[in-house]
N, C-alpha and C. Protein backbone atom coordinates (compact mmCIF):
# COMPACT_ATOMS: atom_id res chain seq x y z
N UNK A 1 -13.66 -38.35 5.11
CA UNK A 1 -13.25 -37.18 4.37
C UNK A 1 -11.96 -36.59 4.93
N UNK A 2 -11.53 -37.03 6.07
CA UNK A 2 -10.27 -36.56 6.62
C UNK A 2 -10.47 -35.55 7.73
N UNK A 3 -9.42 -35.34 8.44
CA UNK A 3 -9.48 -34.38 9.55
C UNK A 3 -9.33 -32.96 9.01
N UNK A 4 -9.98 -32.02 9.68
CA UNK A 4 -9.86 -30.63 9.27
C UNK A 4 -8.46 -30.10 9.54
N UNK A 5 -7.91 -30.45 10.68
CA UNK A 5 -6.55 -30.02 11.03
C UNK A 5 -5.70 -31.25 11.29
N UNK A 6 -4.49 -31.20 10.83
CA UNK A 6 -3.60 -32.32 11.10
C UNK A 6 -3.27 -32.34 12.58
N UNK A 7 -2.76 -33.45 13.03
CA UNK A 7 -2.37 -33.57 14.43
C UNK A 7 -1.31 -32.54 14.80
N UNK A 8 -0.48 -32.14 13.83
CA UNK A 8 0.56 -31.15 14.09
C UNK A 8 -0.05 -29.79 14.38
N UNK A 9 -1.16 -29.46 13.72
CA UNK A 9 -1.77 -28.15 13.89
C UNK A 9 -2.78 -28.12 15.03
N UNK A 10 -3.26 -29.27 15.43
CA UNK A 10 -4.23 -29.30 16.50
C UNK A 10 -3.60 -28.74 17.76
N UNK A 11 -4.27 -27.85 18.40
CA UNK A 11 -3.74 -27.22 19.60
C UNK A 11 -2.91 -25.97 19.31
N UNK A 12 -2.64 -25.70 18.04
CA UNK A 12 -1.91 -24.49 17.66
C UNK A 12 -2.88 -23.33 17.66
N UNK A 13 -2.45 -22.22 18.23
CA UNK A 13 -3.31 -21.04 18.25
C UNK A 13 -3.49 -20.50 16.84
N UNK A 14 -4.68 -20.00 16.56
CA UNK A 14 -5.03 -19.51 15.23
C UNK A 14 -4.06 -18.43 14.77
N UNK A 15 -3.65 -17.54 15.68
CA UNK A 15 -2.77 -16.45 15.26
C UNK A 15 -1.41 -16.97 14.80
N UNK A 16 -1.00 -18.13 15.25
CA UNK A 16 0.27 -18.71 14.80
C UNK A 16 0.16 -19.31 13.41
N UNK A 17 -1.06 -19.65 13.00
CA UNK A 17 -1.27 -20.20 11.67
C UNK A 17 -1.31 -19.10 10.60
N UNK A 18 -1.62 -17.89 11.01
CA UNK A 18 -1.74 -16.76 10.08
C UNK A 18 -0.84 -15.61 10.54
N UNK A 19 0.40 -15.61 10.09
CA UNK A 19 1.36 -14.60 10.55
C UNK A 19 0.93 -13.16 10.26
N UNK A 20 0.10 -12.94 9.26
CA UNK A 20 -0.32 -11.57 8.94
C UNK A 20 -1.11 -10.94 10.08
N UNK A 21 -1.68 -11.76 10.96
CA UNK A 21 -2.47 -11.23 12.06
C UNK A 21 -1.69 -11.13 13.37
N UNK A 22 -0.42 -11.40 13.32
CA UNK A 22 0.39 -11.30 14.54
C UNK A 22 0.76 -9.85 14.80
N UNK A 23 1.00 -9.55 16.05
CA UNK A 23 1.43 -8.20 16.43
C UNK A 23 2.80 -7.92 15.82
N UNK A 24 3.03 -6.68 15.48
CA UNK A 24 4.30 -6.27 14.89
C UNK A 24 5.03 -5.34 15.85
N UNK A 25 6.34 -5.37 15.76
CA UNK A 25 7.15 -4.50 16.60
C UNK A 25 7.38 -3.17 15.90
N UNK A 26 7.83 -2.19 16.66
CA UNK A 26 8.15 -0.89 16.10
C UNK A 26 9.24 -1.03 15.03
N UNK A 27 10.21 -1.89 15.28
CA UNK A 27 11.30 -2.11 14.33
C UNK A 27 10.78 -2.71 13.02
N UNK A 28 9.81 -3.60 13.14
CA UNK A 28 9.20 -4.21 11.94
C UNK A 28 8.56 -3.13 11.06
N UNK A 29 7.78 -2.23 11.68
CA UNK A 29 7.13 -1.17 10.92
C UNK A 29 8.15 -0.19 10.34
N UNK A 30 9.20 0.11 11.08
CA UNK A 30 10.24 1.00 10.56
C UNK A 30 10.90 0.40 9.33
N UNK A 31 11.13 -0.91 9.36
CA UNK A 31 11.73 -1.60 8.22
C UNK A 31 10.80 -1.56 7.01
N UNK A 32 9.53 -1.81 7.25
CA UNK A 32 8.55 -1.78 6.16
C UNK A 32 8.50 -0.39 5.53
N UNK A 33 8.33 0.64 6.35
CA UNK A 33 8.19 2.00 5.83
C UNK A 33 9.45 2.51 5.16
N UNK A 34 10.61 2.02 5.57
CA UNK A 34 11.85 2.51 4.95
C UNK A 34 12.20 1.75 3.67
N UNK A 35 11.53 0.63 3.39
CA UNK A 35 11.84 -0.19 2.22
C UNK A 35 10.69 -0.39 1.24
N UNK A 36 9.51 0.07 1.57
CA UNK A 36 8.35 -0.23 0.73
C UNK A 36 8.27 0.69 -0.49
N UNK A 37 7.46 0.29 -1.44
CA UNK A 37 7.14 1.10 -2.61
C UNK A 37 5.71 1.61 -2.44
N UNK A 38 5.41 2.73 -3.05
CA UNK A 38 4.09 3.33 -2.96
C UNK A 38 3.47 3.36 -4.35
N UNK A 39 2.24 2.89 -4.43
CA UNK A 39 1.48 2.94 -5.69
C UNK A 39 0.14 3.57 -5.37
N UNK A 40 -0.25 4.53 -6.18
CA UNK A 40 -1.50 5.24 -5.95
C UNK A 40 -2.48 4.91 -7.07
N UNK A 41 -3.75 4.84 -6.70
CA UNK A 41 -4.74 4.63 -7.75
C UNK A 41 -5.05 5.96 -8.43
N UNK A 42 -5.76 5.88 -9.52
CA UNK A 42 -6.04 7.07 -10.32
C UNK A 42 -6.79 8.12 -9.52
N UNK A 43 -7.72 7.72 -8.68
CA UNK A 43 -8.51 8.71 -7.94
C UNK A 43 -7.65 9.51 -6.97
N UNK A 44 -6.67 8.88 -6.37
CA UNK A 44 -5.78 9.61 -5.45
C UNK A 44 -4.98 10.66 -6.19
N UNK A 45 -4.54 10.33 -7.39
CA UNK A 45 -3.76 11.29 -8.17
C UNK A 45 -4.66 12.36 -8.79
N UNK A 46 -5.84 11.98 -9.21
CA UNK A 46 -6.76 12.96 -9.79
C UNK A 46 -7.31 13.92 -8.74
N UNK A 47 -7.28 13.51 -7.48
CA UNK A 47 -7.70 14.41 -6.41
C UNK A 47 -6.82 15.65 -6.33
N UNK A 48 -5.64 15.59 -6.90
CA UNK A 48 -4.76 16.77 -6.91
C UNK A 48 -5.43 17.95 -7.62
N UNK A 49 -6.38 17.67 -8.52
CA UNK A 49 -7.11 18.73 -9.21
C UNK A 49 -8.22 19.32 -8.34
N UNK A 50 -8.60 18.61 -7.27
CA UNK A 50 -9.73 19.02 -6.46
C UNK A 50 -9.35 19.63 -5.11
N UNK A 51 -8.13 19.41 -4.66
CA UNK A 51 -7.73 19.88 -3.33
C UNK A 51 -7.22 21.32 -3.40
N UNK A 52 -7.04 21.91 -2.24
CA UNK A 52 -6.54 23.28 -2.19
C UNK A 52 -5.09 23.33 -2.68
N UNK A 53 -4.65 24.47 -3.16
CA UNK A 53 -3.26 24.58 -3.61
C UNK A 53 -2.24 24.20 -2.53
N UNK A 54 -2.52 24.56 -1.27
CA UNK A 54 -1.57 24.20 -0.21
C UNK A 54 -1.52 22.69 0.01
N UNK A 55 -2.68 22.02 -0.06
CA UNK A 55 -2.71 20.56 0.07
C UNK A 55 -1.99 19.89 -1.08
N UNK A 56 -2.21 20.42 -2.28
CA UNK A 56 -1.54 19.88 -3.47
C UNK A 56 -0.02 20.02 -3.34
N UNK A 57 0.42 21.18 -2.90
CA UNK A 57 1.86 21.42 -2.74
C UNK A 57 2.45 20.46 -1.69
N UNK A 58 1.74 20.27 -0.60
CA UNK A 58 2.22 19.36 0.45
C UNK A 58 2.30 17.92 -0.07
N UNK A 59 1.26 17.47 -0.77
CA UNK A 59 1.25 16.11 -1.31
C UNK A 59 2.36 15.91 -2.33
N UNK A 60 2.54 16.88 -3.22
CA UNK A 60 3.61 16.78 -4.22
C UNK A 60 4.99 16.81 -3.56
N UNK A 61 5.12 17.53 -2.46
CA UNK A 61 6.38 17.52 -1.70
C UNK A 61 6.68 16.15 -1.13
N UNK A 62 5.64 15.49 -0.64
CA UNK A 62 5.81 14.13 -0.12
C UNK A 62 6.21 13.18 -1.25
N UNK A 63 5.53 13.32 -2.40
CA UNK A 63 5.88 12.47 -3.54
C UNK A 63 7.33 12.71 -3.98
N UNK A 64 7.77 13.95 -3.91
CA UNK A 64 9.16 14.27 -4.26
C UNK A 64 10.13 13.54 -3.32
N UNK A 65 9.80 13.51 -2.05
CA UNK A 65 10.66 12.80 -1.08
C UNK A 65 10.67 11.30 -1.33
N UNK A 66 9.57 10.78 -1.85
CA UNK A 66 9.44 9.33 -2.07
C UNK A 66 9.74 8.93 -3.52
N UNK A 67 10.24 9.84 -4.32
CA UNK A 67 10.32 9.61 -5.77
C UNK A 67 11.07 8.34 -6.17
N UNK A 68 12.01 7.88 -5.38
CA UNK A 68 12.73 6.65 -5.71
C UNK A 68 11.94 5.40 -5.33
N UNK A 69 10.82 5.60 -4.65
CA UNK A 69 10.03 4.46 -4.21
C UNK A 69 8.58 4.55 -4.67
N UNK A 70 8.33 5.30 -5.73
CA UNK A 70 6.99 5.41 -6.30
C UNK A 70 6.87 4.46 -7.48
N UNK A 71 5.69 3.93 -7.66
CA UNK A 71 5.43 3.02 -8.78
C UNK A 71 4.07 3.38 -9.36
N UNK A 72 4.04 3.61 -10.65
CA UNK A 72 2.79 3.91 -11.34
C UNK A 72 2.58 2.84 -12.41
N UNK A 73 1.68 1.89 -12.14
CA UNK A 73 1.41 0.84 -13.13
C UNK A 73 0.88 1.43 -14.43
N UNK A 74 1.16 0.78 -15.52
CA UNK A 74 0.76 1.24 -16.86
C UNK A 74 -0.74 1.52 -16.93
N UNK A 75 -1.55 0.65 -16.39
CA UNK A 75 -3.01 0.81 -16.44
C UNK A 75 -3.44 2.10 -15.75
N UNK A 76 -2.83 2.40 -14.62
CA UNK A 76 -3.18 3.63 -13.92
C UNK A 76 -2.74 4.86 -14.70
N UNK A 77 -1.56 4.81 -15.25
CA UNK A 77 -1.06 5.94 -16.03
C UNK A 77 -1.97 6.17 -17.24
N UNK A 78 -2.38 5.09 -17.88
CA UNK A 78 -3.28 5.18 -19.04
C UNK A 78 -4.61 5.79 -18.62
N UNK A 79 -5.17 5.34 -17.50
CA UNK A 79 -6.46 5.86 -17.02
C UNK A 79 -6.37 7.35 -16.74
N UNK A 80 -5.32 7.76 -16.06
CA UNK A 80 -5.16 9.17 -15.72
C UNK A 80 -5.02 10.01 -16.98
N UNK A 81 -4.19 9.57 -17.90
CA UNK A 81 -3.99 10.30 -19.14
C UNK A 81 -5.29 10.42 -19.92
N UNK A 82 -6.03 9.34 -19.99
CA UNK A 82 -7.30 9.33 -20.72
C UNK A 82 -8.29 10.30 -20.09
N UNK A 83 -8.38 10.31 -18.76
CA UNK A 83 -9.34 11.18 -18.06
C UNK A 83 -8.93 12.65 -18.19
N UNK A 84 -7.66 12.93 -18.00
CA UNK A 84 -7.17 14.31 -18.05
C UNK A 84 -7.28 14.91 -19.44
N UNK A 85 -7.02 14.12 -20.45
CA UNK A 85 -7.01 14.63 -21.81
C UNK A 85 -8.39 14.69 -22.44
N UNK A 86 -9.40 14.12 -21.82
CA UNK A 86 -10.75 14.13 -22.39
C UNK A 86 -11.43 15.46 -22.17
């Protein structure tokens, strides 16, 4: 049936086979946070109706700062609109 690992991979540490599990540097995280997009599910956005006014204001302030990097998929926008308007 064949070998589970090729001779090239034999002796290779597992963490080297799966880069997602490798340690990251501070610079790596800074690059990710400064370039990533943010997408929220419907429950996170609908929670704005349940939190205190000060929490809502703080969250909306953060969204304002991130406005060029926010993404709202059509399905989520539809779900929120449907729930709010019902």
